[in-house]
Amino acid sequence: MDKSKNPVYSRTDTTPVKLSNEEWQKILSPEVYYIARQKGTERPWTSKFENFKEVGTYYCAACGNPLFKSDTKFDSGCGWPSFYEPISKNSVIYLEDRSHGMIRTEVQCGRCQAHLGHVFDDGPPPTGLRYCINGVILDFEKAQDIEKEYKQQKKS
């Protein structure tokens, strides 16, 4: 996705983003718009982040809000990237979801209210939670310090 066309995308701005669906549709790719604004779901086991092992931070692809650290990611076997804890209390918000004949807890971005996925209480310690997140709505930035350290060690 070309973030230069998205005026609200920022990894440092924490101000809430309030746009109409028409405005979102103009700045998001069709895939991100479908998940973020139409509460869609990507097919299981199709996310590039499903078996992703890099160290860094996951951000909201719609607005750049920091969501999860890679050290909270785990292999749940559910087909979507799973995490046991968000970066902060304000990273995500929770809503009751009664769609599809179920009662679940929807997880949305704390900055732009983009649909991210759902949270379940069958995760690992220390939280016991499993944030089942659509990979399409995630951006990732590799931890720079760790990469620099790794390259330094390689040279030695």
N, C-alpha and C. Protein backbone atom coordinates (compact mmCIF):
# COMPACT_ATOMS: atom_id res chain seq x y z
N MET A 1 0.84 -1.18 0.00
CA MET A 1 0.00 0.00 0.00
C MET A 1 0.88 1.24 0.00
N ASP A 2 0.55 2.22 -0.80
CA ASP A 2 1.29 3.46 -0.90
C ASP A 2 0.84 4.41 0.21
N LYS A 3 1.65 4.50 1.26
CA LYS A 3 1.28 5.33 2.41
C LYS A 3 1.34 6.82 2.11
N SER A 4 2.02 7.20 1.04
CA SER A 4 2.10 8.62 0.69
C SER A 4 0.72 9.17 0.31
N LYS A 5 -0.20 8.30 -0.08
CA LYS A 5 -1.56 8.72 -0.43
C LYS A 5 -2.49 8.72 0.78
N ASN A 6 -1.95 8.36 1.94
CA ASN A 6 -2.75 8.28 3.16
C ASN A 6 -2.31 9.39 4.12
N PRO A 7 -3.04 10.51 4.17
CA PRO A 7 -2.62 11.64 5.00
C PRO A 7 -2.73 11.39 6.51
N VAL A 8 -3.43 10.36 6.93
CA VAL A 8 -3.58 10.11 8.37
C VAL A 8 -2.58 9.08 8.89
N TYR A 9 -1.83 8.43 7.98
CA TYR A 9 -0.90 7.39 8.41
C TYR A 9 0.29 8.01 9.13
N SER A 10 0.47 7.64 10.40
CA SER A 10 1.60 8.11 11.19
C SER A 10 1.89 7.11 12.29
N ARG A 11 3.15 6.81 12.50
CA ARG A 11 3.55 5.90 13.57
C ARG A 11 3.83 6.63 14.87
N THR A 12 3.67 7.96 14.86
CA THR A 12 3.91 8.74 16.08
C THR A 12 2.70 9.55 16.53
N ASP A 13 1.81 9.92 15.64
CA ASP A 13 0.64 10.72 15.99
C ASP A 13 -0.38 9.82 16.70
N THR A 14 -0.84 10.26 17.84
CA THR A 14 -1.81 9.46 18.60
C THR A 14 -3.22 10.06 18.58
N THR A 15 -3.40 11.16 17.84
CA THR A 15 -4.73 11.77 17.78
C THR A 15 -5.71 10.85 17.09
N PRO A 16 -6.92 10.74 17.63
CA PRO A 16 -7.93 9.88 17.00
C PRO A 16 -8.20 10.32 15.56
N VAL A 17 -8.45 9.34 14.71
CA VAL A 17 -8.74 9.60 13.30
C VAL A 17 -10.23 9.33 13.07
N LYS A 18 -10.92 10.34 12.57
CA LYS A 18 -12.35 10.22 12.28
C LYS A 18 -12.56 10.61 10.82
N LEU A 19 -12.75 9.60 9.97
CA LEU A 19 -13.02 9.83 8.56
C LEU A 19 -14.29 9.08 8.17
N SER A 20 -14.95 9.55 7.14
CA SER A 20 -16.11 8.83 6.61
C SER A 20 -15.61 7.61 5.83
N ASN A 21 -16.49 6.66 5.62
CA ASN A 21 -16.10 5.49 4.82
C ASN A 21 -15.70 5.89 3.42
N GLU A 22 -16.30 6.93 2.88
CA GLU A 22 -15.93 7.42 1.54
C GLU A 22 -14.49 7.94 1.53
N GLU A 23 -14.12 8.67 2.60
CA GLU A 23 -12.75 9.17 2.69
C GLU A 23 -11.76 8.01 2.85
N TRP A 24 -12.11 7.03 3.70
CA TRP A 24 -11.24 5.86 3.87
C TRP A 24 -11.07 5.12 2.55
N GLN A 25 -12.13 4.98 1.80
CA GLN A 25 -12.07 4.23 0.54
C GLN A 25 -11.10 4.87 -0.45
N LYS A 26 -10.96 6.19 -0.37
CA LYS A 26 -10.04 6.90 -1.28
C LYS A 26 -8.57 6.67 -0.91
N ILE A 27 -8.28 6.41 0.37
CA ILE A 27 -6.88 6.35 0.78
C ILE A 27 -6.38 4.94 1.11
N LEU A 28 -7.28 3.97 1.25
CA LEU A 28 -6.86 2.60 1.56
C LEU A 28 -6.94 1.71 0.33
N SER A 29 -6.09 0.71 0.30
CA SER A 29 -6.20 -0.29 -0.78
C SER A 29 -7.52 -1.03 -0.59
N PRO A 30 -8.05 -1.64 -1.65
CA PRO A 30 -9.31 -2.38 -1.51
C PRO A 30 -9.25 -3.48 -0.44
N GLU A 31 -8.11 -4.16 -0.33
CA GLU A 31 -7.98 -5.24 0.65
C GLU A 31 -8.04 -4.70 2.08
N VAL A 32 -7.30 -3.62 2.33
CA VAL A 32 -7.28 -3.02 3.68
C VAL A 32 -8.65 -2.42 3.99
N TYR A 33 -9.26 -1.76 3.02
CA TYR A 33 -10.59 -1.17 3.23
C TYR A 33 -11.61 -2.25 3.61
N TYR A 34 -11.58 -3.37 2.92
CA TYR A 34 -12.51 -4.47 3.18
C TYR A 34 -12.41 -4.96 4.63
N ILE A 35 -11.19 -5.13 5.12
CA ILE A 35 -11.01 -5.60 6.50
C ILE A 35 -11.33 -4.47 7.48
N ALA A 36 -10.69 -3.32 7.28
CA ALA A 36 -10.76 -2.21 8.24
C ALA A 36 -12.14 -1.60 8.37
N ARG A 37 -12.80 -1.33 7.27
CA ARG A 37 -14.05 -0.57 7.32
C ARG A 37 -15.29 -1.45 7.13
N GLN A 38 -15.15 -2.59 6.46
CA GLN A 38 -16.30 -3.46 6.23
C GLN A 38 -16.28 -4.69 7.14
N LYS A 39 -15.33 -4.72 8.06
CA LYS A 39 -15.18 -5.80 9.03
C LYS A 39 -15.05 -7.16 8.36
N GLY A 40 -14.29 -7.17 7.29
CA GLY A 40 -14.05 -8.40 6.55
C GLY A 40 -13.05 -9.30 7.26
N THR A 41 -12.85 -10.47 6.69
CA THR A 41 -11.87 -11.43 7.21
C THR A 41 -11.11 -12.01 6.04
N GLU A 42 -9.79 -12.05 6.16
CA GLU A 42 -9.01 -12.71 5.12
C GLU A 42 -9.11 -14.22 5.30
N ARG A 43 -8.87 -14.95 4.24
CA ARG A 43 -8.91 -16.41 4.33
C ARG A 43 -7.81 -16.89 5.27
N PRO A 44 -8.07 -17.93 6.07
CA PRO A 44 -7.04 -18.42 6.98
C PRO A 44 -5.82 -18.93 6.22
N TRP A 45 -4.66 -18.81 6.85
CA TRP A 45 -3.37 -19.27 6.33
C TRP A 45 -2.93 -18.57 5.06
N THR A 46 -3.47 -17.36 4.80
CA THR A 46 -3.05 -16.61 3.61
C THR A 46 -2.22 -15.38 3.96
N SER A 47 -2.11 -15.04 5.23
CA SER A 47 -1.40 -13.83 5.64
C SER A 47 0.11 -14.03 5.54
N LYS A 48 0.79 -13.01 5.05
CA LYS A 48 2.26 -13.06 5.00
C LYS A 48 2.84 -13.06 6.41
N PHE A 49 2.04 -12.68 7.40
CA PHE A 49 2.52 -12.65 8.78
C PHE A 49 2.20 -13.92 9.57
N GLU A 50 1.50 -14.87 8.97
CA GLU A 50 1.11 -16.09 9.69
C GLU A 50 2.33 -16.82 10.27
N ASN A 51 3.36 -17.06 9.48
CA ASN A 51 4.56 -17.76 9.95
C ASN A 51 5.77 -16.83 10.01
N PHE A 52 5.52 -15.56 10.13
CA PHE A 52 6.54 -14.51 10.12
C PHE A 52 7.27 -14.50 11.47
N LYS A 53 8.61 -14.45 11.45
CA LYS A 53 9.40 -14.56 12.68
C LYS A 53 10.29 -13.34 12.96
N GLU A 54 10.20 -12.29 12.15
CA GLU A 54 11.06 -11.12 12.34
C GLU A 54 10.77 -10.43 13.69
N VAL A 55 11.78 -9.74 14.21
CA VAL A 55 11.65 -9.00 15.47
C VAL A 55 11.34 -7.55 15.14
N GLY A 56 10.28 -7.02 15.74
CA GLY A 56 9.90 -5.63 15.49
C GLY A 56 8.52 -5.32 16.01
N THR A 57 7.87 -4.37 15.34
CA THR A 57 6.57 -3.86 15.78
C THR A 57 5.56 -3.97 14.65
N TYR A 58 4.34 -4.37 15.02
CA TYR A 58 3.21 -4.43 14.10
C TYR A 58 2.36 -3.18 14.30
N TYR A 59 1.99 -2.54 13.18
CA TYR A 59 1.21 -1.30 13.18
C TYR A 59 -0.09 -1.50 12.42
N CYS A 60 -1.06 -0.62 12.68
CA CYS A 60 -2.31 -0.61 11.91
C CYS A 60 -1.99 -0.12 10.51
N ALA A 61 -2.37 -0.90 9.50
CA ALA A 61 -2.10 -0.53 8.11
C ALA A 61 -2.94 0.66 7.66
N ALA A 62 -4.03 0.96 8.37
CA ALA A 62 -4.89 2.08 7.99
C ALA A 62 -4.36 3.41 8.51
N CYS A 63 -3.82 3.42 9.76
CA CYS A 63 -3.44 4.71 10.34
C CYS A 63 -2.03 4.75 10.93
N GLY A 64 -1.33 3.61 11.05
CA GLY A 64 0.02 3.60 11.58
C GLY A 64 0.12 3.44 13.08
N ASN A 65 -0.98 3.26 13.77
CA ASN A 65 -0.98 3.11 15.22
C ASN A 65 -0.22 1.84 15.63
N PRO A 66 0.72 1.93 16.59
CA PRO A 66 1.42 0.73 17.06
C PRO A 66 0.45 -0.21 17.78
N LEU A 67 0.45 -1.49 17.38
CA LEU A 67 -0.52 -2.44 17.93
C LEU A 67 0.12 -3.53 18.78
N PHE A 68 1.11 -4.25 18.21
CA PHE A 68 1.69 -5.41 18.89
C PHE A 68 3.20 -5.45 18.68
N LYS A 69 3.92 -5.96 19.67
CA LYS A 69 5.35 -6.25 19.54
C LYS A 69 5.50 -7.70 19.11
N SER A 70 6.54 -7.98 18.36
CA SER A 70 6.75 -9.33 17.84
C SER A 70 6.96 -10.36 18.95
N ASP A 71 7.45 -9.93 20.12
CA ASP A 71 7.67 -10.91 21.18
C ASP A 71 6.38 -11.36 21.86
N THR A 72 5.23 -10.77 21.46
CA THR A 72 3.94 -11.25 21.96
C THR A 72 3.20 -12.10 20.92
N LYS A 73 3.85 -12.33 19.78
CA LYS A 73 3.26 -13.14 18.71
C LYS A 73 3.54 -14.61 19.00
N PHE A 74 2.56 -15.47 18.72
CA PHE A 74 2.75 -16.90 18.93
C PHE A 74 1.99 -17.68 17.87
N ASP A 75 2.35 -18.93 17.70
CA ASP A 75 1.70 -19.79 16.72
C ASP A 75 0.52 -20.48 17.38
N SER A 76 -0.68 -19.99 17.06
CA SER A 76 -1.89 -20.55 17.67
C SER A 76 -2.49 -21.67 16.84
N GLY A 77 -2.06 -21.77 15.58
CA GLY A 77 -2.62 -22.78 14.69
C GLY A 77 -3.99 -22.42 14.15
N CYS A 78 -4.44 -21.18 14.37
CA CYS A 78 -5.79 -20.79 13.94
C CYS A 78 -5.84 -20.28 12.50
N GLY A 79 -4.69 -20.01 11.89
CA GLY A 79 -4.68 -19.56 10.50
C GLY A 79 -4.50 -18.06 10.33
N TRP A 80 -4.46 -17.32 11.43
CA TRP A 80 -4.23 -15.89 11.39
C TRP A 80 -3.11 -15.54 12.37
N PRO A 81 -2.41 -14.43 12.14
CA PRO A 81 -1.39 -14.02 13.11
C PRO A 81 -2.05 -13.84 14.48
N SER A 82 -1.39 -14.38 15.51
CA SER A 82 -1.94 -14.32 16.87
C SER A 82 -0.94 -13.69 17.83
N PHE A 83 -1.48 -12.92 18.75
CA PHE A 83 -0.69 -12.22 19.75
C PHE A 83 -1.37 -12.41 21.10
N TYR A 84 -0.59 -12.33 22.19
CA TYR A 84 -1.23 -12.47 23.50
C TYR A 84 -1.42 -11.15 24.24
N GLU A 85 -0.88 -10.04 23.66
CA GLU A 85 -1.01 -8.76 24.37
C GLU A 85 -0.73 -7.60 23.42
N PRO A 86 -1.58 -6.55 23.45
CA PRO A 86 -1.29 -5.36 22.66
C PRO A 86 -0.17 -4.53 23.30
N ILE A 87 0.38 -3.60 22.55
CA ILE A 87 1.47 -2.75 23.05
C ILE A 87 1.05 -1.95 24.28
N SER A 88 -0.15 -1.37 24.25
CA SER A 88 -0.63 -0.59 25.40
C SER A 88 -2.14 -0.73 25.52
N LYS A 89 -2.69 -0.21 26.60
CA LYS A 89 -4.14 -0.25 26.81
C LYS A 89 -4.88 0.54 25.74
N ASN A 90 -4.22 1.57 25.20
CA ASN A 90 -4.86 2.43 24.19
C ASN A 90 -4.65 1.94 22.76
N SER A 91 -3.85 0.91 22.57
CA SER A 91 -3.57 0.41 21.22
C SER A 91 -4.81 -0.13 20.54
N VAL A 92 -5.66 -0.80 21.30
CA VAL A 92 -6.86 -1.41 20.75
C VAL A 92 -8.07 -1.09 21.61
N ILE A 93 -9.25 -1.22 21.01
CA ILE A 93 -10.50 -1.11 21.74
C ILE A 93 -11.31 -2.37 21.49
N TYR A 94 -12.25 -2.63 22.36
CA TYR A 94 -13.01 -3.88 22.33
C TYR A 94 -14.50 -3.58 22.17
N LEU A 95 -15.15 -4.36 21.32
CA LEU A 95 -16.59 -4.23 21.10
C LEU A 95 -17.23 -5.61 21.07
N GLU A 96 -18.44 -5.70 21.58
CA GLU A 96 -19.16 -6.97 21.47
C GLU A 96 -19.56 -7.17 20.01
N ASP A 97 -19.36 -8.38 19.52
CA ASP A 97 -19.68 -8.74 18.14
C ASP A 97 -20.66 -9.91 18.17
N ARG A 98 -21.89 -9.68 17.72
CA ARG A 98 -22.91 -10.73 17.71
C ARG A 98 -23.21 -11.22 16.28
N SER A 99 -22.27 -11.00 15.37
CA SER A 99 -22.47 -11.43 13.98
C SER A 99 -22.27 -12.94 13.84
N HIS A 100 -22.77 -13.49 12.78
CA HIS A 100 -22.60 -14.90 12.43
C HIS A 100 -23.11 -15.86 13.50
N GLY A 101 -24.11 -15.44 14.27
CA GLY A 101 -24.72 -16.30 15.27
C GLY A 101 -23.83 -16.61 16.46
N MET A 102 -22.80 -15.79 16.69
CA MET A 102 -21.88 -16.00 17.81
C MET A 102 -21.81 -14.73 18.66
N ILE A 103 -21.30 -14.87 19.86
CA ILE A 103 -20.96 -13.70 20.67
C ILE A 103 -19.44 -13.73 20.85
N ARG A 104 -18.81 -12.73 20.25
CA ARG A 104 -17.35 -12.63 20.32
C ARG A 104 -16.96 -11.22 20.72
N THR A 105 -15.67 -11.02 20.95
CA THR A 105 -15.16 -9.69 21.24
C THR A 105 -14.32 -9.23 20.05
N GLU A 106 -14.82 -8.21 19.38
CA GLU A 106 -14.10 -7.63 18.25
C GLU A 106 -12.99 -6.73 18.78
N VAL A 107 -11.86 -6.72 18.07
CA VAL A 107 -10.73 -5.84 18.39
C VAL A 107 -10.62 -4.82 17.27
N GLN A 108 -10.58 -3.55 17.66
CA GLN A 108 -10.41 -2.46 16.71
C GLN A 108 -9.18 -1.65 17.08
N CYS A 109 -8.64 -0.96 16.09
CA CYS A 109 -7.53 -0.05 16.32
C CYS A 109 -7.98 1.06 17.27
N GLY A 110 -7.17 1.35 18.26
CA GLY A 110 -7.50 2.38 19.23
C GLY A 110 -7.43 3.79 18.68
N ARG A 111 -6.82 3.97 17.53
CA ARG A 111 -6.70 5.32 16.94
C ARG A 111 -7.75 5.58 15.86
N CYS A 112 -7.99 4.61 14.97
CA CYS A 112 -8.89 4.86 13.83
C CYS A 112 -10.12 3.95 13.80
N GLN A 113 -10.25 3.07 14.77
CA GLN A 113 -11.36 2.14 14.88
C GLN A 113 -11.45 1.16 13.70
N ALA A 114 -10.32 0.88 13.07
CA ALA A 114 -10.30 -0.13 12.01
C ALA A 114 -10.53 -1.50 12.64
N HIS A 115 -11.31 -2.33 11.98
CA HIS A 115 -11.50 -3.72 12.43
C HIS A 115 -10.17 -4.45 12.26
N LEU A 116 -9.71 -5.10 13.34
CA LEU A 116 -8.46 -5.86 13.29
C LEU A 116 -8.72 -7.36 13.30
N GLY A 117 -9.67 -7.79 14.11
CA GLY A 117 -9.96 -9.21 14.29
C GLY A 117 -10.75 -9.40 15.56
N HIS A 118 -10.44 -10.48 16.29
CA HIS A 118 -11.16 -10.80 17.53
C HIS A 118 -10.17 -11.27 18.58
N VAL A 119 -10.60 -11.20 19.85
CA VAL A 119 -9.79 -11.71 20.95
C VAL A 119 -10.56 -12.82 21.65
N PHE A 120 -9.82 -13.87 22.01
CA PHE A 120 -10.40 -15.04 22.66
C PHE A 120 -9.62 -15.33 23.94
N ASP A 121 -10.23 -16.06 24.85
CA ASP A 121 -9.58 -16.33 26.14
C ASP A 121 -8.90 -17.70 26.18
N ASP A 122 -8.35 -18.13 25.05
CA ASP A 122 -7.67 -19.43 24.99
C ASP A 122 -6.19 -19.29 24.61
N GLY A 123 -5.60 -18.16 24.97
CA GLY A 123 -4.20 -17.90 24.63
C GLY A 123 -3.23 -18.36 25.71
N PRO A 124 -1.95 -18.15 25.46
CA PRO A 124 -0.91 -18.59 26.40
C PRO A 124 -0.72 -17.60 27.56
N PRO A 125 0.01 -18.02 28.59
CA PRO A 125 0.40 -17.08 29.65
C PRO A 125 1.30 -15.99 29.03
N PRO A 126 1.42 -14.85 29.56
CA PRO A 126 0.90 -14.47 30.87
C PRO A 126 -0.54 -13.94 30.85
N THR A 127 -1.12 -13.68 29.69
CA THR A 127 -2.46 -13.06 29.65
C THR A 127 -3.59 -14.07 29.48
N GLY A 128 -3.30 -15.21 28.86
CA GLY A 128 -4.36 -16.17 28.56
C GLY A 128 -5.23 -15.73 27.41
N LEU A 129 -4.80 -14.68 26.68
CA LEU A 129 -5.59 -14.15 25.57
C LEU A 129 -4.96 -14.49 24.23
N ARG A 130 -5.83 -14.61 23.21
CA ARG A 130 -5.37 -14.82 21.83
C ARG A 130 -6.03 -13.78 20.95
N TYR A 131 -5.22 -12.80 20.55
CA TYR A 131 -5.69 -11.78 19.62
C TYR A 131 -5.49 -12.35 18.22
N CYS A 132 -6.57 -12.72 17.59
CA CYS A 132 -6.57 -13.33 16.26
C CYS A 132 -6.77 -12.19 15.26
N ILE A 133 -5.70 -11.79 14.57
CA ILE A 133 -5.68 -10.54 13.80
C ILE A 133 -5.50 -10.81 12.31
N ASN A 134 -6.29 -10.11 11.49
CA ASN A 134 -6.13 -10.19 10.04
C ASN A 134 -4.79 -9.59 9.65
N GLY A 135 -3.97 -10.35 8.95
CA GLY A 135 -2.66 -9.86 8.53
C GLY A 135 -2.73 -8.70 7.57
N VAL A 136 -3.79 -8.61 6.78
CA VAL A 136 -3.95 -7.52 5.81
C VAL A 136 -3.94 -6.16 6.50
N ILE A 137 -4.45 -6.10 7.72
CA ILE A 137 -4.55 -4.82 8.42
C ILE A 137 -3.28 -4.50 9.21
N LEU A 138 -2.25 -5.32 9.06
CA LEU A 138 -1.00 -5.10 9.78
C LEU A 138 0.11 -4.61 8.86
N ASP A 139 0.88 -3.65 9.38
CA ASP A 139 2.16 -3.23 8.80
C ASP A 139 3.22 -3.69 9.78
N PHE A 140 4.43 -3.87 9.32
CA PHE A 140 5.49 -4.32 10.22
C PHE A 140 6.74 -3.50 9.99
N GLU A 141 7.42 -3.17 11.09
CA GLU A 141 8.73 -2.53 10.99
C GLU A 141 9.71 -3.34 11.82
N LYS A 142 10.77 -3.75 11.16
CA LYS A 142 11.81 -4.53 11.82
C LYS A 142 12.50 -3.67 12.88
N ALA A 143 12.85 -4.29 13.98
CA ALA A 143 13.55 -3.57 15.06
C ALA A 143 14.94 -3.18 14.57
N GLN A 144 15.20 -1.91 14.47
CA GLN A 144 16.46 -1.40 13.91
C GLN A 144 17.65 -1.69 14.81
N ASP A 145 17.50 -1.52 16.11
CA ASP A 145 18.61 -1.74 17.04
C ASP A 145 19.10 -3.17 16.98
N ILE A 146 18.18 -4.10 16.94
CA ILE A 146 18.54 -5.52 16.91
C ILE A 146 19.25 -5.85 15.60
N GLU A 147 18.75 -5.30 14.50
CA GLU A 147 19.38 -5.55 13.21
C GLU A 147 20.81 -4.99 13.18
N LYS A 148 21.00 -3.77 13.72
CA LYS A 148 22.34 -3.18 13.77
C LYS A 148 23.28 -4.05 14.61
N GLU A 149 22.78 -4.50 15.76
CA GLU A 149 23.58 -5.35 16.66
C GLU A 149 23.97 -6.64 15.96
N TYR A 150 23.03 -7.23 15.24
CA TYR A 150 23.29 -8.47 14.52
C TYR A 150 24.38 -8.27 13.46
N LYS A 151 24.29 -7.18 12.72
CA LYS A 151 25.29 -6.89 11.68
C LYS A 151 26.66 -6.62 12.28
N GLN A 152 26.69 -5.95 13.44
CA GLN A 152 27.95 -5.70 14.15
C GLN A 152 28.60 -7.01 14.57
N GLN A 153 27.80 -7.93 15.11
CA GLN A 153 28.32 -9.23 15.55
C GLN A 153 28.84 -10.04 14.37
N LYS A 154 28.17 -9.93 13.23
CA LYS A 154 28.60 -10.65 12.04
C LYS A 154 29.98 -10.17 11.56
N LYS A 155 30.22 -8.86 11.68
CA LYS A 155 31.50 -8.29 11.24
C LYS A 155 32.64 -8.71 12.16
N SER A 156 32.35 -8.94 13.43
CA SER A 156 33.38 -9.29 14.43
C SER A 156 33.93 -10.68 14.24
